[in-house]
Protein backbone atom coordinates (compact mmCIF):
# COMPACT_ATOMS: atom_id res chain seq x y z
CA UNK A 1 -15.51 -27.29 8.23
CA UNK A 2 -11.84 -27.55 7.30
CA UNK A 3 -12.42 -25.29 4.41
CA UNK A 4 -14.51 -22.90 6.40
CA UNK A 5 -11.58 -22.66 8.96
CA UNK A 6 -8.93 -22.09 6.55
CA UNK A 7 -10.89 -19.08 5.16
CA UNK A 8 -11.59 -17.85 8.73
CA UNK A 9 -7.74 -17.98 9.53
CA UNK A 10 -6.73 -16.18 6.26
CA UNK A 11 -8.90 -13.30 7.22
CA UNK A 12 -8.12 -13.54 10.80
CA UNK A 13 -4.40 -12.71 10.06
CA UNK A 14 -5.35 -9.06 8.92
CA UNK A 15 -7.45 -8.79 11.95
CA UNK A 16 -5.15 -9.85 14.48
CA UNK A 17 -2.32 -7.57 13.31
CA UNK A 18 -4.55 -4.54 14.46
CA UNK A 19 -4.27 -5.76 17.98
CA UNK A 20 -0.63 -4.56 18.63
CA UNK A 21 1.66 -1.99 16.96
CA UNK A 22 3.32 -3.31 13.81
CA UNK A 23 6.97 -2.20 13.38
CA UNK A 24 7.28 -0.17 10.20
CA UNK A 25 10.08 -2.47 8.67
CA UNK A 26 7.25 -5.55 8.75
CA UNK A 27 4.71 -4.05 6.66
CA UNK A 28 6.02 -5.88 3.52
CA UNK A 29 6.23 -9.12 5.55
CA UNK A 30 2.50 -8.86 6.32
CA UNK A 31 1.69 -8.91 2.55
CA UNK A 32 3.45 -12.23 2.01
CA UNK A 33 2.69 -13.90 5.33
CA UNK A 34 -0.83 -15.10 4.76
CA UNK A 35 -0.36 -16.71 1.34
CA UNK A 36 3.16 -18.06 2.30
CA UNK A 37 2.36 -20.30 5.01
CA UNK A 38 -0.67 -22.17 3.49
CA UNK A 39 1.65 -23.09 0.45
CA UNK A 40 4.35 -24.38 2.89
CA UNK A 41 1.54 -26.27 4.75
CA UNK A 42 0.41 -27.74 1.28
CA UNK A 43 4.01 -28.65 0.31
CA UNK A 44 4.66 -30.48 3.73
CA UNK A 45 1.39 -32.13 4.39
CA UNK A 46 0.93 -33.79 1.09
CA UNK A 47 3.79 -36.07 1.37
CA UNK A 48 3.25 -36.81 4.96
CA UNK A 49 -0.41 -37.67 4.33
CA UNK A 50 0.89 -40.31 1.87
CA UNK A 51 3.08 -41.57 4.45
CA UNK A 52 0.95 -41.81 7.69
CA UNK A 53 -2.57 -41.48 6.15
CA UNK A 54 -5.14 -38.58 5.70
CA UNK A 55 -7.09 -39.05 9.08
CA UNK A 56 -3.70 -38.75 11.11
CA UNK A 57 -2.89 -35.48 9.17
CA UNK A 58 -6.06 -34.32 10.17
CA UNK A 59 -5.49 -34.90 13.84
CA UNK A 60 -1.95 -33.02 13.54
CA UNK A 61 -3.59 -30.08 11.74
CA UNK A 62 -6.51 -29.94 14.48
CA UNK A 63 -3.67 -29.75 17.12
CA UNK A 64 -2.04 -27.19 15.44
CA UNK A 65 -5.14 -25.10 15.23
CA UNK A 66 -5.84 -25.28 18.85
CA UNK A 67 -2.28 -24.33 19.77
CA UNK A 68 -2.59 -21.42 17.28
CA UNK A 69 -5.91 -20.31 18.60
CA UNK A 70 -4.71 -20.42 22.13
CA UNK A 71 -1.36 -18.82 21.03
CA UNK A 72 -3.02 -15.82 19.26
CA UNK A 73 -5.37 -15.01 21.84
CA UNK A 74 -2.72 -14.75 24.42
CA UNK A 75 -0.05 -12.99 22.27
CA UNK A 76 0.75 -9.44 23.07
CA UNK A 77 3.46 -8.77 20.65
CA UNK A 78 3.57 -8.47 16.84
CA UNK A 79 6.26 -11.38 16.70
CA UNK A 80 4.23 -13.90 18.68
CA UNK A 81 1.09 -12.98 16.46
CA UNK A 82 3.08 -13.61 13.45
CA UNK A 83 4.23 -17.04 14.73
CA UNK A 84 0.85 -18.22 15.88
CA UNK A 85 -0.62 -17.11 12.56
CA UNK A 86 2.09 -18.87 10.60
CA UNK A 87 1.00 -21.88 12.58
CA UNK A 88 -2.63 -21.69 11.84
CA UNK A 89 -2.24 -20.94 8.24
CA UNK A 90 0.42 -23.85 7.94
CA UNK A 91 -2.16 -26.13 9.39
CA UNK A 92 -4.73 -24.72 7.07
CA UNK A 93 -2.74 -25.15 4.00
CA UNK A 94 -1.90 -28.88 5.28
CA UNK A 95 -5.64 -29.57 5.39
CA UNK A 96 -6.38 -28.30 1.82
CA UNK A 97 -4.96 -30.91 -0.18
CA UNK A 98 -5.66 -33.68 2.53
CA UNK A 99 -9.38 -32.66 2.40
CA UNK A 100 -9.52 -32.77 -1.32
CA UNK A 101 -7.46 -35.97 -1.77
CA UNK A 102 -9.70 -37.81 0.94
CA UNK A 103 -12.91 -36.50 -0.60
CA UNK A 104 -11.64 -38.08 -4.19
CA UNK A 105 -10.58 -41.20 -2.54
CA UNK A 106 -13.54 -42.10 -0.45
CA UNK A 107 -16.54 -40.74 -2.24
CA UNK A 108 -18.34 -42.55 -5.08
CA UNK A 109 -17.66 -41.23 -8.54
CA UNK A 110 -21.05 -40.01 -9.00
CA UNK A 111 -20.83 -37.80 -5.88
CA UNK A 112 -17.26 -36.25 -6.11
CA UNK A 113 -18.08 -33.24 -8.12
CA UNK A 114 -21.11 -32.45 -5.78
CA UNK A 115 -18.86 -33.02 -2.65
CA UNK A 116 -15.87 -30.58 -4.24
CA UNK A 117 -18.28 -28.00 -4.78
CA UNK A 118 -19.97 -28.31 -1.27
CA UNK A 119 -16.63 -28.28 0.31
CA UNK A 120 -15.55 -24.98 -1.90
CA UNK A 121 -18.74 -23.24 -0.75
CA UNK A 122 -17.60 -23.15 3.01
CA UNK A 123 -14.62 -21.23 1.96
CA UNK A 124 -16.70 -18.06 1.71
CA UNK A 125 -18.59 -18.89 4.73
CA UNK A 126 -15.66 -18.81 6.74
CA UNK A 127 -14.92 -15.29 5.81
CA UNK A 128 -18.61 -14.35 6.26
CA UNK A 129 -18.65 -15.70 9.74
CA UNK A 130 -15.17 -13.90 10.47
CA UNK A 131 -16.55 -10.40 9.18
CA UNK A 132 -19.55 -11.15 11.58
CA UNK A 133 -17.46 -11.59 14.45
CA UNK A 134 -15.08 -8.68 13.30
CA UNK A 135 -18.08 -6.33 12.96
CA UNK A 136 -19.79 -7.30 16.22
CA UNK A 137 -16.64 -7.02 18.40
CA UNK A 138 -15.36 -3.85 16.41
CA UNK A 139 -16.55 -1.43 19.12
CA UNK A 140 -15.69 -3.57 22.01
CA UNK A 141 -12.49 -4.16 23.56
CA UNK A 142 -9.41 -6.01 21.56
CA UNK A 143 -9.72 -8.57 24.44
CA UNK A 144 -13.15 -9.38 23.61
CA UNK A 145 -12.31 -9.57 19.88
CA UNK A 146 -9.56 -11.94 20.73
CA UNK A 147 -11.93 -14.02 22.97
CA UNK A 148 -14.47 -14.24 19.99
CA UNK A 149 -12.08 -15.17 17.32
CA UNK A 150 -10.62 -17.95 19.72
CA UNK A 151 -14.16 -18.89 20.68
CA UNK A 152 -15.15 -19.41 17.12
CA UNK A 153 -12.02 -21.45 16.32
CA UNK A 154 -12.64 -23.74 19.40
CA UNK A 155 -16.25 -24.32 18.33
CA UNK A 156 -15.11 -25.19 14.83
CA UNK A 157 -12.34 -27.65 16.29
CA UNK A 158 -15.12 -29.26 18.35
CA UNK A 159 -17.19 -29.96 15.51
CA UNK A 160 -14.13 -31.17 13.33
CA UNK A 161 -13.02 -33.43 16.27
CA UNK A 162 -16.68 -34.70 16.47
CA UNK A 163 -17.02 -35.54 12.88
CA UNK A 164 -13.56 -36.65 11.94
CA UNK A 165 -13.82 -39.23 14.76
CA UNK A 166 -16.11 -41.27 12.71
CA UNK A 167 -14.41 -40.31 9.18
CA UNK A 168 -12.93 -43.42 7.50
CA UNK A 169 -9.23 -43.63 6.60
CA UNK A 170 -9.00 -43.47 2.79
CA UNK A 171 -9.24 -47.17 1.35
CA UNK A 172 -7.17 -46.31 -1.39
CA UNK A 173 -4.32 -45.12 1.08
CA UNK A 174 -4.81 -48.29 2.94
CA UNK A 175 -4.72 -50.63 0.15
CA UNK A 176 -1.51 -48.85 -1.20
CA UNK A 177 0.13 -49.31 2.43
CA UNK A 178 -0.62 -52.88 2.09
CA UNK A 179 -3.55 -53.08 4.49
CA UNK A 180 -6.01 -54.58 1.81
CA UNK A 181 -8.06 -56.52 4.28
CA UNK A 182 -8.68 -53.20 6.33
CA UNK A 183 -9.45 -51.19 3.07
C-alpha cells in the first residue's frame, strides 16, 4: 500500500494544481516539483531508517501523509498546495527505499523476487485509482474532488496503520544495533 500511495500522490500533484490559479512564473517549478521531493525523501529517509529503524520511519511517513492529506484538502492557495504536495511527496520518497530495504531484510530468500514484483505492481494500481477518482469527480465541484482525494488517502492510511502495526522490525537492523536477542 505504500507503493500504491506513492503513485497516487505523484499523480495527485497535477490534479491538485487545477484547484487554484497558478502564477505564470511558477509553471516551470511544477515540472520539477513532483520528481524533486521524492528524491529528497529518499536521501533523508535512508540514513534515518538506518539510525532509528525501518518501522519508525514508516510511522513518521504515515504522519506526514496525514498532515499532507488534511493540508492539501484545506489549501486554497497555490503556495499552500505546493507545500503540502511537497510533504506528501517527501513522505512517499522516504517510504520507497524503506519498503524495499525492509522487504529484502525480512523476506526469506526464495520469496524476495516475488515480493518485490508484487510491491511494484501496486504502483500502477495507485495511478489507476487516482484516475478513477479524478474521472468520477471531474464534473462535480472542486470541493467534492478534494474530499474524494483526501478520503482515499485516509482509507489507505488506515490500511497502512492496521498492517504496519504487526509488521516486525528488520531483524538485520536489530542485530546491527546490538539487539541480537530481540532479532
